[in-house]
Amino acid sequence: MDIRAFYRADPRRQSSVEVPFGDGWTDHEDSHSTYRLSWVADTGEIYAVREPHPGGILARYLDQLDVDQADVSALRVEILAVANRDTIEAGLAGWPAVMSEHDSLRWVRTQLAALPAAP
């Protein structure tokens, strides 16, 4: 779903505090995008947002300067897990060191899949 649909689908997301877990995650199958991770306090969801960079990965830096930004409708959301903040932080311990590695989003998915099921 796109980012607008994600926030519309649950009103708690719109006003909730969010905790960021980095914005430079990569997926080997999608070399022209990066992903940012956030945890939503009111829902317990940790989600990834795909941010396409049509000019390639170096275009990410232009995006930060608001040059050649992707349209909001191109920002795709994937809910990765639902858990409390302590559980997410424990599962992603050391994430800043992993984020810059090739295919780092695979590590996130593996870590989060190993979390205990949310009540």
PDB file of N, CA and C in Angstrom:
ATOM      1  N   MET A   1       0.848  -1.178   0.000  1.00  0.00           N
ATOM      2  CA  MET A   1       0.000   0.000   0.000  1.00  0.00           C
ATOM      3  C   MET A   1       0.891   1.237   0.000  1.00  0.00           C
ATOM      4  N   ASP A   2       0.371   2.354  -0.477  1.00  0.00           N
ATOM      5  CA  ASP A   2       1.182   3.569  -0.440  1.00  0.00           C
ATOM      6  C   ASP A   2       1.078   4.209   0.945  1.00  0.00           C
ATOM      7  N   ILE A   3       1.941   5.163   1.187  1.00  0.00           N
ATOM      8  CA  ILE A   3       2.051   5.765   2.519  1.00  0.00           C
ATOM      9  C   ILE A   3       0.752   6.450   2.956  1.00  0.00           C
ATOM     10  N   ARG A   4       0.043   7.056   2.021  1.00  0.00           N
ATOM     11  CA  ARG A   4      -1.231   7.704   2.382  1.00  0.00           C
ATOM     12  C   ARG A   4      -2.250   6.677   2.841  1.00  0.00           C
ATOM     13  N   ALA A   5      -2.369   5.578   2.103  1.00  0.00           N
ATOM     14  CA  ALA A   5      -3.316   4.521   2.457  1.00  0.00           C
ATOM     15  C   ALA A   5      -2.950   3.903   3.806  1.00  0.00           C
ATOM     16  N   PHE A   6      -1.671   3.766   4.067  1.00  0.00           N
ATOM     17  CA  PHE A   6      -1.207   3.232   5.344  1.00  0.00           C
ATOM     18  C   PHE A   6      -1.723   4.081   6.500  1.00  0.00           C
ATOM     19  N   TYR A   7      -1.557   5.383   6.420  1.00  0.00           N
ATOM     20  CA  TYR A   7      -2.004   6.251   7.509  1.00  0.00           C
ATOM     21  C   TYR A   7      -3.528   6.354   7.583  1.00  0.00           C
ATOM     22  N   ARG A   8      -4.196   6.315   6.453  1.00  0.00           N
ATOM     23  CA  ARG A   8      -5.664   6.375   6.461  1.00  0.00           C
ATOM     24  C   ARG A   8      -6.285   5.101   7.033  1.00  0.00           C
ATOM     25  N   ALA A   9      -5.616   3.968   6.861  1.00  0.00           N
ATOM     26  CA  ALA A   9      -6.176   2.680   7.269  1.00  0.00           C
ATOM     27  C   ALA A   9      -6.345   2.547   8.783  1.00  0.00           C
ATOM     28  N   ASP A  10      -5.568   3.288   9.542  1.00  0.00           N
ATOM     29  CA  ASP A  10      -5.688   3.227  11.004  1.00  0.00           C
ATOM     30  C   ASP A  10      -5.408   4.619  11.565  1.00  0.00           C
ATOM     31  N   PRO A  11      -6.432   5.314  12.040  1.00  0.00           N
ATOM     32  CA  PRO A  11      -6.263   6.687  12.530  1.00  0.00           C
ATOM     33  C   PRO A  11      -5.235   6.825  13.653  1.00  0.00           C
ATOM     34  N   ARG A  12      -4.972   5.760  14.393  1.00  0.00           N
ATOM     35  CA  ARG A  12      -3.968   5.824  15.460  1.00  0.00           C
ATOM     36  C   ARG A  12      -2.586   6.150  14.887  1.00  0.00           C
ATOM     37  N   ARG A  13      -2.330   5.722  13.678  1.00  0.00           N
ATOM     38  CA  ARG A  13      -1.024   5.974  13.055  1.00  0.00           C
ATOM     39  C   ARG A  13      -0.790   7.467  12.820  1.00  0.00           C
ATOM     40  N   GLN A  14      -1.853   8.197  12.553  1.00  0.00           N
ATOM     41  CA  GLN A  14      -1.733   9.611  12.192  1.00  0.00           C
ATOM     42  C   GLN A  14      -1.225  10.477  13.330  1.00  0.00           C
ATOM     43  N   SER A  15      -1.576  10.139  14.545  1.00  0.00           N
ATOM     44  CA  SER A  15      -1.196  10.989  15.674  1.00  0.00           C
ATOM     45  C   SER A  15      -0.149  10.348  16.578  1.00  0.00           C
ATOM     46  N   SER A  16       0.270   9.159  16.253  1.00  0.00           N
ATOM     47  CA  SER A  16       1.184   8.416  17.112  1.00  0.00           C
ATOM     48  C   SER A  16       2.619   8.935  17.031  1.00  0.00           C
ATOM     49  N   VAL A  17       3.319   8.763  18.116  1.00  0.00           N
ATOM     50  CA  VAL A  17       4.769   8.958  18.121  1.00  0.00           C
ATOM     51  C   VAL A  17       5.366   7.832  17.286  1.00  0.00           C
ATOM     52  N   GLU A  18       6.382   8.153  16.499  1.00  0.00           N
ATOM     53  CA  GLU A  18       7.094   7.141  15.732  1.00  0.00           C
ATOM     54  C   GLU A  18       8.569   7.181  16.104  1.00  0.00           C
ATOM     55  N   VAL A  19       9.164   6.024  16.178  1.00  0.00           N
ATOM     56  CA  VAL A  19      10.582   5.903  16.487  1.00  0.00           C
ATOM     57  C   VAL A  19      11.297   5.442  15.224  1.00  0.00           C
ATOM     58  N   PRO A  20      12.235   6.247  14.716  1.00  0.00           N
ATOM     59  CA  PRO A  20      12.941   5.859  13.485  1.00  0.00           C
ATOM     60  C   PRO A  20      14.040   4.827  13.753  1.00  0.00           C
ATOM     61  N   PHE A  21      14.211   3.938  12.797  1.00  0.00           N
ATOM     62  CA  PHE A  21      15.281   2.949  12.824  1.00  0.00           C
ATOM     63  C   PHE A  21      16.076   3.014  11.519  1.00  0.00           C
ATOM     64  N   GLY A  22      16.410   4.207  11.092  1.00  0.00           N
ATOM     65  CA  GLY A  22      17.278   4.398   9.933  1.00  0.00           C
ATOM     66  C   GLY A  22      16.544   4.564   8.620  1.00  0.00           C
ATOM     67  N   ASP A  23      17.242   5.193   7.674  1.00  0.00           N
ATOM     68  CA  ASP A  23      16.624   5.469   6.371  1.00  0.00           C
ATOM     69  C   ASP A  23      17.507   5.088   5.185  1.00  0.00           C
ATOM     70  N   GLY A  24      18.470   4.212   5.391  1.00  0.00           N
ATOM     71  CA  GLY A  24      19.342   3.815   4.296  1.00  0.00           C
ATOM     72  C   GLY A  24      19.406   2.319   4.087  1.00  0.00           C
ATOM     73  N   TRP A  25      18.339   1.601   4.428  1.00  0.00           N
ATOM     74  CA  TRP A  25      18.294   0.156   4.257  1.00  0.00           C
ATOM     75  C   TRP A  25      18.213  -0.186   2.771  1.00  0.00           C
ATOM     76  N   THR A  26      18.784  -1.315   2.398  1.00  0.00           N
ATOM     77  CA  THR A  26      18.798  -1.709   0.983  1.00  0.00           C
ATOM     78  C   THR A  26      18.272  -3.126   0.796  1.00  0.00           C
ATOM     79  N   ASP A  27      17.800  -3.377  -0.414  1.00  0.00           N
ATOM     80  CA  ASP A  27      17.288  -4.689  -0.821  1.00  0.00           C
ATOM     81  C   ASP A  27      17.979  -5.051  -2.132  1.00  0.00           C
ATOM     82  N   HIS A  28      18.637  -6.211  -2.185  1.00  0.00           N
ATOM     83  CA  HIS A  28      19.413  -6.579  -3.374  1.00  0.00           C
ATOM     84  C   HIS A  28      18.561  -6.691  -4.631  1.00  0.00           C
ATOM     85  N   GLU A  29      17.276  -6.894  -4.489  1.00  0.00           N
ATOM     86  CA  GLU A  29      16.392  -6.994  -5.650  1.00  0.00           C
ATOM     87  C   GLU A  29      15.870  -5.638  -6.108  1.00  0.00           C
ATOM     88  N   ASP A  30      16.247  -4.579  -5.422  1.00  0.00           N
ATOM     89  CA  ASP A  30      15.709  -3.246  -5.709  1.00  0.00           C
ATOM     90  C   ASP A  30      16.829  -2.215  -5.545  1.00  0.00           C
ATOM     91  N   SER A  31      17.785  -2.253  -6.444  1.00  0.00           N
ATOM     92  CA  SER A  31      18.998  -1.444  -6.297  1.00  0.00           C
ATOM     93  C   SER A  31      18.768   0.054  -6.483  1.00  0.00           C
ATOM     94  N   HIS A  32      17.605   0.450  -6.975  1.00  0.00           N
ATOM     95  CA  HIS A  32      17.332   1.877  -7.176  1.00  0.00           C
ATOM     96  C   HIS A  32      16.402   2.447  -6.114  1.00  0.00           C
ATOM     97  N   SER A  33      16.413   1.823  -4.940  1.00  0.00           N
ATOM     98  CA  SER A  33      15.578   2.303  -3.835  1.00  0.00           C
ATOM     99  C   SER A  33      16.325   2.132  -2.525  1.00  0.00           C
ATOM    100  N   THR A  34      15.920   2.919  -1.551  1.00  0.00           N
ATOM    101  CA  THR A  34      16.320   2.677  -0.171  1.00  0.00           C
ATOM    102  C   THR A  34      15.041   2.567   0.638  1.00  0.00           C
ATOM    103  N   TYR A  35      15.193   2.113   1.856  1.00  0.00           N
ATOM    104  CA  TYR A  35      14.054   1.891   2.730  1.00  0.00           C
ATOM    105  C   TYR A  35      14.317   2.570   4.058  1.00  0.00           C
ATOM    106  N   ARG A  36      13.246   3.111   4.635  1.00  0.00           N
ATOM    107  CA  ARG A  36      13.365   3.651   5.987  1.00  0.00           C
ATOM    108  C   ARG A  36      12.445   2.848   6.876  1.00  0.00           C
ATOM    109  N   LEU A  37      12.865   2.679   8.118  1.00  0.00           N
ATOM    110  CA  LEU A  37      12.094   1.906   9.086  1.00  0.00           C
ATOM    111  C   LEU A  37      11.626   2.814  10.204  1.00  0.00           C
ATOM    112  N   SER A  38      10.391   2.603  10.637  1.00  0.00           N
ATOM    113  CA  SER A  38       9.840   3.328  11.776  1.00  0.00           C
ATOM    114  C   SER A  38       8.939   2.400  12.560  1.00  0.00           C
ATOM    115  N   TRP A  39       8.896   2.641  13.860  1.00  0.00           N
ATOM    116  CA  TRP A  39       8.001   1.907  14.754  1.00  0.00           C
ATOM    117  C   TRP A  39       6.932   2.873  15.230  1.00  0.00           C
ATOM    118  N   VAL A  40       5.659   2.465  15.149  1.00  0.00           N
ATOM    119  CA  VAL A  40       4.509   3.287  15.532  1.00  0.00           C
ATOM    120  C   VAL A  40       4.089   2.910  16.953  1.00  0.00           C
ATOM    121  N   ALA A  41       4.212   3.833  17.877  1.00  0.00           N
ATOM    122  CA  ALA A  41       3.945   3.550  19.290  1.00  0.00           C
ATOM    123  C   ALA A  41       2.512   3.078  19.541  1.00  0.00           C
ATOM    124  N   ASP A  42       1.527   3.724  18.932  1.00  0.00           N
ATOM    125  CA  ASP A  42       0.128   3.413  19.239  1.00  0.00           C
ATOM    126  C   ASP A  42      -0.362   2.091  18.652  1.00  0.00           C
ATOM    127  N   THR A  43       0.339   1.552  17.665  1.00  0.00           N
ATOM    128  CA  THR A  43      -0.080   0.283  17.054  1.00  0.00           C
ATOM    129  C   THR A  43       0.938  -0.832  17.279  1.00  0.00           C
ATOM    130  N   GLY A  44       2.162  -0.488  17.648  1.00  0.00           N
ATOM    131  CA  GLY A  44       3.220  -1.476  17.821  1.00  0.00           C
ATOM    132  C   GLY A  44       3.812  -1.969  16.518  1.00  0.00           C
ATOM    133  N   GLU A  45       3.435  -1.347  15.412  1.00  0.00           N
ATOM    134  CA  GLU A  45       3.911  -1.802  14.102  1.00  0.00           C
ATOM    135  C   GLU A  45       5.284  -1.213  13.787  1.00  0.00           C
ATOM    136  N   ILE A  46       6.148  -2.049  13.258  1.00  0.00           N
ATOM    137  CA  ILE A  46       7.360  -1.533  12.645  1.00  0.00           C
ATOM    138  C   ILE A  46       7.180  -1.755  11.149  1.00  0.00           C
ATOM    139  N   TYR A  47       7.412  -0.682  10.399  1.00  0.00           N
ATOM    140  CA  TYR A  47       7.165  -0.764   8.967  1.00  0.00           C
ATOM    141  C   TYR A  47       8.353  -0.217   8.193  1.00  0.00           C
ATOM    142  N   ALA A  48       8.438  -0.664   6.930  1.00  0.00           N
ATOM    143  CA  ALA A  48       9.451  -0.170   6.001  1.00  0.00           C
ATOM    144  C   ALA A  48       8.740   0.629   4.922  1.00  0.00           C
ATOM    145  N   VAL A  49       9.347   1.740   4.540  1.00  0.00           N
ATOM    146  CA  VAL A  49       8.835   2.539   3.422  1.00  0.00           C
ATOM    147  C   VAL A  49       9.871   2.481   2.312  1.00  0.00           C
ATOM    148  N   ARG A  50       9.452   2.016   1.155  1.00  0.00           N
ATOM    149  CA  ARG A  50      10.316   1.976  -0.027  1.00  0.00           C
ATOM    150  C   ARG A  50      10.347   3.366  -0.644  1.00  0.00           C
ATOM    151  N   GLU A  51      11.559   3.893  -0.778  1.00  0.00           N
ATOM    152  CA  GLU A  51      11.742   5.211  -1.377  1.00  0.00           C
ATOM    153  C   GLU A  51      12.552   5.049  -2.659  1.00  0.00           C
ATOM    154  N   PRO A  52      11.874   5.100  -3.812  1.00  0.00           N
ATOM    155  CA  PRO A  52      12.575   4.902  -5.080  1.00  0.00           C
ATOM    156  C   PRO A  52      13.479   6.085  -5.419  1.00  0.00           C
ATOM    157  N   HIS A  53      14.595   5.764  -6.038  1.00  0.00           N
ATOM    158  CA  HIS A  53      15.550   6.773  -6.497  1.00  0.00           C
ATOM    159  C   HIS A  53      15.826   6.494  -7.972  1.00  0.00           C
ATOM    160  N   PRO A  54      15.016   7.087  -8.874  1.00  0.00           N
ATOM    161  CA  PRO A  54      15.139   6.768 -10.295  1.00  0.00           C
ATOM    162  C   PRO A  54      16.545   6.988 -10.855  1.00  0.00           C
ATOM    163  N   GLY A  55      17.289   7.895 -10.286  1.00  0.00           N
ATOM    164  CA  GLY A  55      18.632   8.162 -10.777  1.00  0.00           C
ATOM    165  C   GLY A  55      19.679   7.242 -10.184  1.00  0.00           C
ATOM    166  N   GLY A  56      19.263   6.250  -9.423  1.00  0.00           N
ATOM    167  CA  GLY A  56      20.204   5.329  -8.791  1.00  0.00           C
ATOM    168  C   GLY A  56      20.401   5.673  -7.327  1.00  0.00           C
ATOM    169  N   ILE A  57      21.191   4.882  -6.676  1.00  0.00           N
ATOM    170  CA  ILE A  57      21.374   5.016  -5.237  1.00  0.00           C
ATOM    171  C   ILE A  57      22.005   6.353  -4.856  1.00  0.00           C
ATOM    172  N   LEU A  58      22.856   6.910  -5.709  1.00  0.00           N
ATOM    173  CA  LEU A  58      23.456   8.210  -5.396  1.00  0.00           C
ATOM    174  C   LEU A  58      22.421   9.332  -5.417  1.00  0.00           C
ATOM    175  N   ALA A  59      21.316   9.087  -6.105  1.00  0.00           N
ATOM    176  CA  ALA A  59      20.252  10.084  -6.140  1.00  0.00           C
ATOM    177  C   ALA A  59      19.618  10.270  -4.767  1.00  0.00           C
ATOM    178  N   ARG A  60      19.830   9.317  -3.863  1.00  0.00           N
ATOM    179  CA  ARG A  60      19.310   9.435  -2.495  1.00  0.00           C
ATOM    180  C   ARG A  60      19.772  10.740  -1.861  1.00  0.00           C
ATOM    181  N   TYR A  61      21.000  11.128  -2.136  1.00  0.00           N
ATOM    182  CA  TYR A  61      21.529  12.361  -1.552  1.00  0.00           C
ATOM    183  C   TYR A  61      20.862  13.594  -2.165  1.00  0.00           C
ATOM    184  N   LEU A  62      20.522  13.513  -3.436  1.00  0.00           N
ATOM    185  CA  LEU A  62      19.757  14.603  -4.047  1.00  0.00           C
ATOM    186  C   LEU A  62      18.368  14.687  -3.436  1.00  0.00           C
ATOM    187  N   ASP A  63      17.792  13.518  -3.121  1.00  0.00           N
ATOM    188  CA  ASP A  63      16.477  13.498  -2.476  1.00  0.00           C
ATOM    189  C   ASP A  63      16.504  14.274  -1.163  1.00  0.00           C
ATOM    190  N   GLN A  64      17.574  14.134  -0.405  1.00  0.00           N
ATOM    191  CA  GLN A  64      17.680  14.829   0.868  1.00  0.00           C
ATOM    192  C   GLN A  64      17.711  16.343   0.681  1.00  0.00           C
ATOM    193  N   LEU A  65      18.092  16.785  -0.511  1.00  0.00           N
ATOM    194  CA  LEU A  65      18.101  18.216  -0.824  1.00  0.00           C
ATOM    195  C   LEU A  65      16.832  18.640  -1.551  1.00  0.00           C
ATOM    196  N   ASP A  66      15.827  17.738  -1.588  1.00  0.00           N
ATOM    197  CA  ASP A  66      14.558  17.969  -2.288  1.00  0.00           C
ATOM    198  C   ASP A  66      14.736  18.122  -3.791  1.00  0.00           C
ATOM    199  N   VAL A  67      15.734  17.466  -4.349  1.00  0.00           N
ATOM    200  CA  VAL A  67      15.949  17.465  -5.796  1.00  0.00           C
ATOM    201  C   VAL A  67      15.511  16.104  -6.319  1.00  0.00           C
ATOM    202  N   ASP A  68      14.641  16.079  -7.323  1.00  0.00           N
ATOM    203  CA  ASP A  68      14.189  14.842  -7.953  1.00  0.00           C
ATOM    204  C   ASP A  68      13.584  13.881  -6.930  1.00  0.00           C
ATOM    205  N   GLN A  69      12.683  14.376  -6.105  1.00  0.00           N
ATOM    206  CA  GLN A  69      12.023  13.548  -5.097  1.00  0.00           C
ATOM    207  C   GLN A  69      10.963  12.658  -5.741  1.00  0.00           C
ATOM    208  N   ALA A  70      10.814  11.475  -5.184  1.00  0.00           N
ATOM    209  CA  ALA A  70       9.759  10.576  -5.642  1.00  0.00           C
ATOM    210  C   ALA A  70       8.409  11.122  -5.196  1.00  0.00           C
ATOM    211  N   ASP A  71       7.392  10.882  -6.008  1.00  0.00           N
ATOM    212  CA  ASP A  71       6.040  11.278  -5.647  1.00  0.00           C
ATOM    213  C   ASP A  71       5.575  10.468  -4.438  1.00  0.00           C
ATOM    214  N   VAL A  72       4.776  11.096  -3.596  1.00  0.00           N
ATOM    215  CA  VAL A  72       4.304  10.441  -2.377  1.00  0.00           C
ATOM    216  C   VAL A  72       3.578   9.133  -2.705  1.00  0.00           C
ATOM    217  N   SER A  73       2.901   9.055  -3.826  1.00  0.00           N
ATOM    218  CA  SER A  73       2.187   7.826  -4.188  1.00  0.00           C
ATOM    219  C   SER A  73       3.144   6.680  -4.507  1.00  0.00           C
ATOM    220  N   ALA A  74       4.414   6.976  -4.724  1.00  0.00           N
ATOM    221  CA  ALA A  74       5.409   5.944  -5.007  1.00  0.00           C
ATOM    222  C   ALA A  74       6.033   5.377  -3.742  1.00  0.00           C
ATOM    223  N   LEU A  75       5.694   5.956  -2.582  1.00  0.00           N
ATOM    224  CA  LEU A  75       6.247   5.484  -1.319  1.00  0.00           C
ATOM    225  C   LEU A  75       5.415   4.312  -0.813  1.00  0.00           C
ATOM    226  N   ARG A  76       5.952   3.118  -0.939  1.00  0.00           N
ATOM    227  CA  ARG A  76       5.242   1.891  -0.592  1.00  0.00           C
ATOM    228  C   ARG A  76       5.593   1.440   0.814  1.00  0.00           C
ATOM    229  N   VAL A  77       4.583   0.976   1.546  1.00  0.00           N
ATOM    230  CA  VAL A  77       4.751   0.565   2.942  1.00  0.00           C
ATOM    231  C   VAL A  77       4.595  -0.951   3.074  1.00  0.00           C
ATOM    232  N   GLU A  78       5.458  -1.527   3.890  1.00  0.00           N
ATOM    233  CA  GLU A  78       5.359  -2.941   4.256  1.00  0.00           C
ATOM    234  C   GLU A  78       5.440  -3.020   5.780  1.00  0.00           C
ATOM    235  N   ILE A  79       4.416  -3.561   6.404  1.00  0.00           N
ATOM    236  CA  ILE A  79       4.458  -3.778   7.850  1.00  0.00           C
ATOM    237  C   ILE A  79       5.276  -5.047   8.090  1.00  0.00           C
ATOM    238  N   LEU A  80       6.344  -4.906   8.863  1.00  0.00           N
ATOM    239  CA  LEU A  80       7.277  -6.009   9.069  1.00  0.00           C
ATOM    240  C   LEU A  80       6.983  -6.832  10.323  1.00  0.00           C
ATOM    241  N   ALA A  81       6.471  -6.193  11.360  1.00  0.00           N
ATOM    242  CA  ALA A  81       6.196  -6.891  12.619  1.00  0.00           C
ATOM    243  C   ALA A  81       5.338  -6.001  13.507  1.00  0.00           C
ATOM    244  N   VAL A  82       4.767  -6.616  14.521  1.00  0.00           N
ATOM    245  CA  VAL A  82       4.012  -5.897  15.553  1.00  0.00           C
ATOM    246  C   VAL A  82       4.549  -6.375  16.891  1.00  0.00           C
ATOM    247  N   ALA A  83       5.072  -5.436  17.663  1.00  0.00           N
ATOM    248  CA  ALA A  83       5.640  -5.759  18.974  1.00  0.00           C
ATOM    249  C   ALA A  83       5.832  -4.470  19.754  1.00  0.00           C
ATOM    250  N   ASN A  84       6.079  -4.594  21.058  1.00  0.00           N
ATOM    251  CA  ASN A  84       6.339  -3.394  21.838  1.00  0.00           C
ATOM    252  C   ASN A  84       7.752  -2.876  21.526  1.00  0.00           C
ATOM    253  N   ARG A  85       7.999  -1.673  21.969  1.00  0.00           N
ATOM    254  CA  ARG A  85       9.263  -1.007  21.626  1.00  0.00           C
ATOM    255  C   ARG A  85      10.483  -1.763  22.143  1.00  0.00           C
ATOM    256  N   ASP A  86      10.419  -2.254  23.366  1.00  0.00           N
ATOM    257  CA  ASP A  86      11.568  -2.977  23.923  1.00  0.00           C
ATOM    258  C   ASP A  86      11.900  -4.213  23.089  1.00  0.00           C
ATOM    259  N   THR A  87      10.879  -4.915  22.649  1.00  0.00           N
ATOM    260  CA  THR A  87      11.091  -6.116  21.839  1.00  0.00           C
ATOM    261  C   THR A  87      11.705  -5.761  20.500  1.00  0.00           C
ATOM    262  N   ILE A  88      11.203  -4.702  19.875  1.00  0.00           N
ATOM    263  CA  ILE A  88      11.756  -4.257  18.586  1.00  0.00           C
ATOM    264  C   ILE A  88      13.209  -3.833  18.761  1.00  0.00           C
ATOM    265  N   GLU A  89      13.480  -3.032  19.776  1.00  0.00           N
ATOM    266  CA  GLU A  89      14.849  -2.565  19.993  1.00  0.00           C
ATOM    267  C   GLU A  89      15.802  -3.728  20.267  1.00  0.00           C
ATOM    268  N   ALA A  90      15.346  -4.713  21.021  1.00  0.00           N
ATOM    269  CA  ALA A  90      16.185  -5.884  21.283  1.00  0.00           C
ATOM    270  C   ALA A  90      16.433  -6.672  19.993  1.00  0.00           C
ATOM    271  N   GLY A  91      15.390  -6.837  19.209  1.00  0.00           N
ATOM    272  CA  GLY A  91      15.516  -7.588  17.958  1.00  0.00           C
ATOM    273  C   GLY A  91      16.405  -6.911  16.939  1.00  0.00           C
ATOM    274  N   LEU A  92      16.438  -5.588  16.971  1.00  0.00           N
ATOM    275  CA  LEU A  92      17.247  -4.830  16.004  1.00  0.00           C
ATOM    276  C   LEU A  92      18.510  -4.252  16.634  1.00  0.00           C
ATOM    277  N   ALA A  93      18.923  -4.803  17.760  1.00  0.00           N
ATOM    278  CA  ALA A  93      20.136  -4.315  18.431  1.00  0.00           C
ATOM    279  C   ALA A  93      21.310  -4.330  17.449  1.00  0.00           C
ATOM    280  N   GLY A  94      22.020  -3.219  17.410  1.00  0.00           N
ATOM    281  CA  GLY A  94      23.170  -3.095  16.508  1.00  0.00           C
ATOM    282  C   GLY A  94      22.819  -2.642  15.102  1.00  0.00           C
ATOM    283  N   TRP A  95      21.567  -2.268  14.881  1.00  0.00           N
ATOM    284  CA  TRP A  95      21.122  -1.925  13.528  1.00  0.00           C
ATOM    285  C   TRP A  95      21.941  -0.839  12.838  1.00  0.00           C
ATOM    286  N   PRO A  96      22.423   0.197  13.520  1.00  0.00           N
ATOM    287  CA  PRO A  96      23.160   1.231  12.775  1.00  0.00           C
ATOM    288  C   PRO A  96      24.381   0.674  12.031  1.00  0.00           C
ATOM    289  N   ALA A  97      25.021  -0.328  12.594  1.00  0.00           N
ATOM    290  CA  ALA A  97      26.202  -0.912  11.949  1.00  0.00           C
ATOM    291  C   ALA A  97      25.830  -1.789  10.758  1.00  0.00           C
ATOM    292  N   VAL A  98      24.626  -2.308  10.741  1.00  0.00           N
ATOM    293  CA  VAL A  98      24.185  -3.221   9.682  1.00  0.00           C
ATOM    294  C   VAL A  98      23.556  -2.470   8.512  1.00  0.00           C
ATOM    295  N   MET A  99      22.944  -1.338   8.785  1.00  0.00           N
ATOM    296  CA  MET A  99      22.150  -0.637   7.769  1.00  0.00           C
ATOM    297  C   MET A  99      22.920  -0.364   6.489  1.00  0.00           C
ATOM    298  N   SER A 100      24.199  -0.044   6.563  1.00  0.00           N
ATOM    299  CA  SER A 100      24.956   0.320   5.355  1.00  0.00           C
ATOM    300  C   SER A 100      25.450  -0.894   4.566  1.00  0.00           C
ATOM    301  N   GLU A 101      25.223  -2.091   5.078  1.00  0.00           N
ATOM    302  CA  GLU A 101      25.644  -3.304   4.369  1.00  0.00           C
ATOM    303  C   GLU A 101      24.735  -3.576   3.176  1.00  0.00           C
ATOM    304  N   HIS A 102      25.268  -4.316   2.205  1.00  0.00           N
ATOM    305  CA  HIS A 102      24.487  -4.728   1.043  1.00  0.00           C
ATOM    306  C   HIS A 102      23.333  -5.625   1.487  1.00  0.00           C
ATOM    307  N   ASP A 103      22.147  -5.381   0.973  1.00  0.00           N
ATOM    308  CA  ASP A 103      20.963  -6.188   1.262  1.00  0.00           C
ATOM    309  C   ASP A 103      20.613  -6.188   2.752  1.00  0.00           C
ATOM    310  N   SER A 104      20.762  -5.047   3.392  1.00  0.00           N
ATOM    311  CA  SER A 104      20.554  -4.947   4.840  1.00  0.00           C
ATOM    312  C   SER A 104      19.104  -5.179   5.269  1.00  0.00           C
ATOM    313  N   LEU A 105      18.163  -4.948   4.371  1.00  0.00           N
ATOM    314  CA  LEU A 105      16.761  -5.168   4.739  1.00  0.00           C
ATOM    315  C   LEU A 105      16.493  -6.656   4.993  1.00  0.00           C
ATOM    316  N   ARG A 106      17.258  -7.520   4.365  1.00  0.00           N
ATOM    317  CA  ARG A 106      17.120  -8.963   4.619  1.00  0.00           C
ATOM    318  C   ARG A 106      17.428  -9.254   6.093  1.00  0.00           C
ATOM    319  N   TRP A 107      18.469  -8.597   6.634  1.00  0.00           N
ATOM    320  CA  TRP A 107      18.819  -8.768   8.047  1.00  0.00           C
ATOM    321  C   TRP A 107      17.649  -8.338   8.925  1.00  0.00           C
ATOM    322  N   VAL A 108      17.038  -7.193   8.605  1.00  0.00           N
ATOM    323  CA  VAL A 108      15.891  -6.700   9.380  1.00  0.00           C
ATOM    324  C   VAL A 108      14.778  -7.739   9.380  1.00  0.00           C
ATOM    325  N   ARG A 109      14.446  -8.235   8.206  1.00  0.00           N
ATOM    326  CA  ARG A 109      13.354  -9.206   8.109  1.00  0.00           C
ATOM    327  C   ARG A 109      13.657 -10.469   8.915  1.00  0.00           C
ATOM    328  N   THR A 110      14.889 -10.932   8.864  1.00  0.00           N
ATOM    329  CA  THR A 110      15.294 -12.119   9.624  1.00  0.00           C
ATOM    330  C   THR A 110      15.183 -11.866  11.119  1.00  0.00           C
ATOM    331  N   GLN A 111      15.687 -10.711  11.554  1.00  0.00           N
ATOM    332  CA  GLN A 111      15.640 -10.371  12.978  1.00  0.00           C
ATOM    333  C   GLN A 111      14.193 -10.266  13.476  1.00  0.00           C
ATOM    334  N   LEU A 112      13.354  -9.608  12.704  1.00  0.00           N
ATOM    335  CA  LEU A 112      11.980  -9.396  13.137  1.00  0.00           C
ATOM    336  C   LEU A 112      11.154 -10.681  13.072  1.00  0.00           C
ATOM    337  N   ALA A 113      11.457 -11.536  12.119  1.00  0.00           N
ATOM    338  CA  ALA A 113      10.745 -12.819  12.036  1.00  0.00           C
ATOM    339  C   ALA A 113      11.027 -13.702  13.251  1.00  0.00           C
ATOM    340  N   ALA A 114      12.158 -13.493  13.895  1.00  0.00           N
ATOM    341  CA  ALA A 114      12.532 -14.289  15.063  1.00  0.00           C
ATOM    342  C   ALA A 114      11.926 -13.773  16.365  1.00  0.00           C
ATOM    343  N   LEU A 115      11.243 -12.632  16.304  1.00  0.00           N
ATOM    344  CA  LEU A 115      10.630 -12.082  17.522  1.00  0.00           C
ATOM    345  C   LEU A 115       9.481 -12.949  18.001  1.00  0.00           C
ATOM    346  N   PRO A 116       9.223 -12.945  19.306  1.00  0.00           N
ATOM    347  CA  PRO A 116       8.048 -13.660  19.808  1.00  0.00           C
ATOM    348  C   PRO A 116       6.772 -13.023  19.244  1.00  0.00           C
ATOM    349  N   ALA A 117       5.762 -13.816  19.062  1.00  0.00           N
ATOM    350  CA  ALA A 117       4.482 -13.309  18.532  1.00  0.00           C
ATOM    351  C   ALA A 117       3.890 -12.292  19.499  1.00  0.00           C
ATOM    352  N   ALA A 118       3.331 -11.220  18.938  1.00  0.00           N
ATOM    353  CA  ALA A 118       2.691 -10.184  19.747  1.00  0.00           C
ATOM    354  C   ALA A 118       1.412 -10.742  20.350  1.00  0.00           C
ATOM    355  N   PRO A 119       1.075 -10.336  21.583  1.00  0.00           N
ATOM    356  CA  PRO A 119      -0.161 -10.827  22.208  1.00  0.00           C
ATOM    357  C   PRO A 119      -1.402 -10.293  21.503  1.00  0.00           C
TER     358      PRO A 119
END
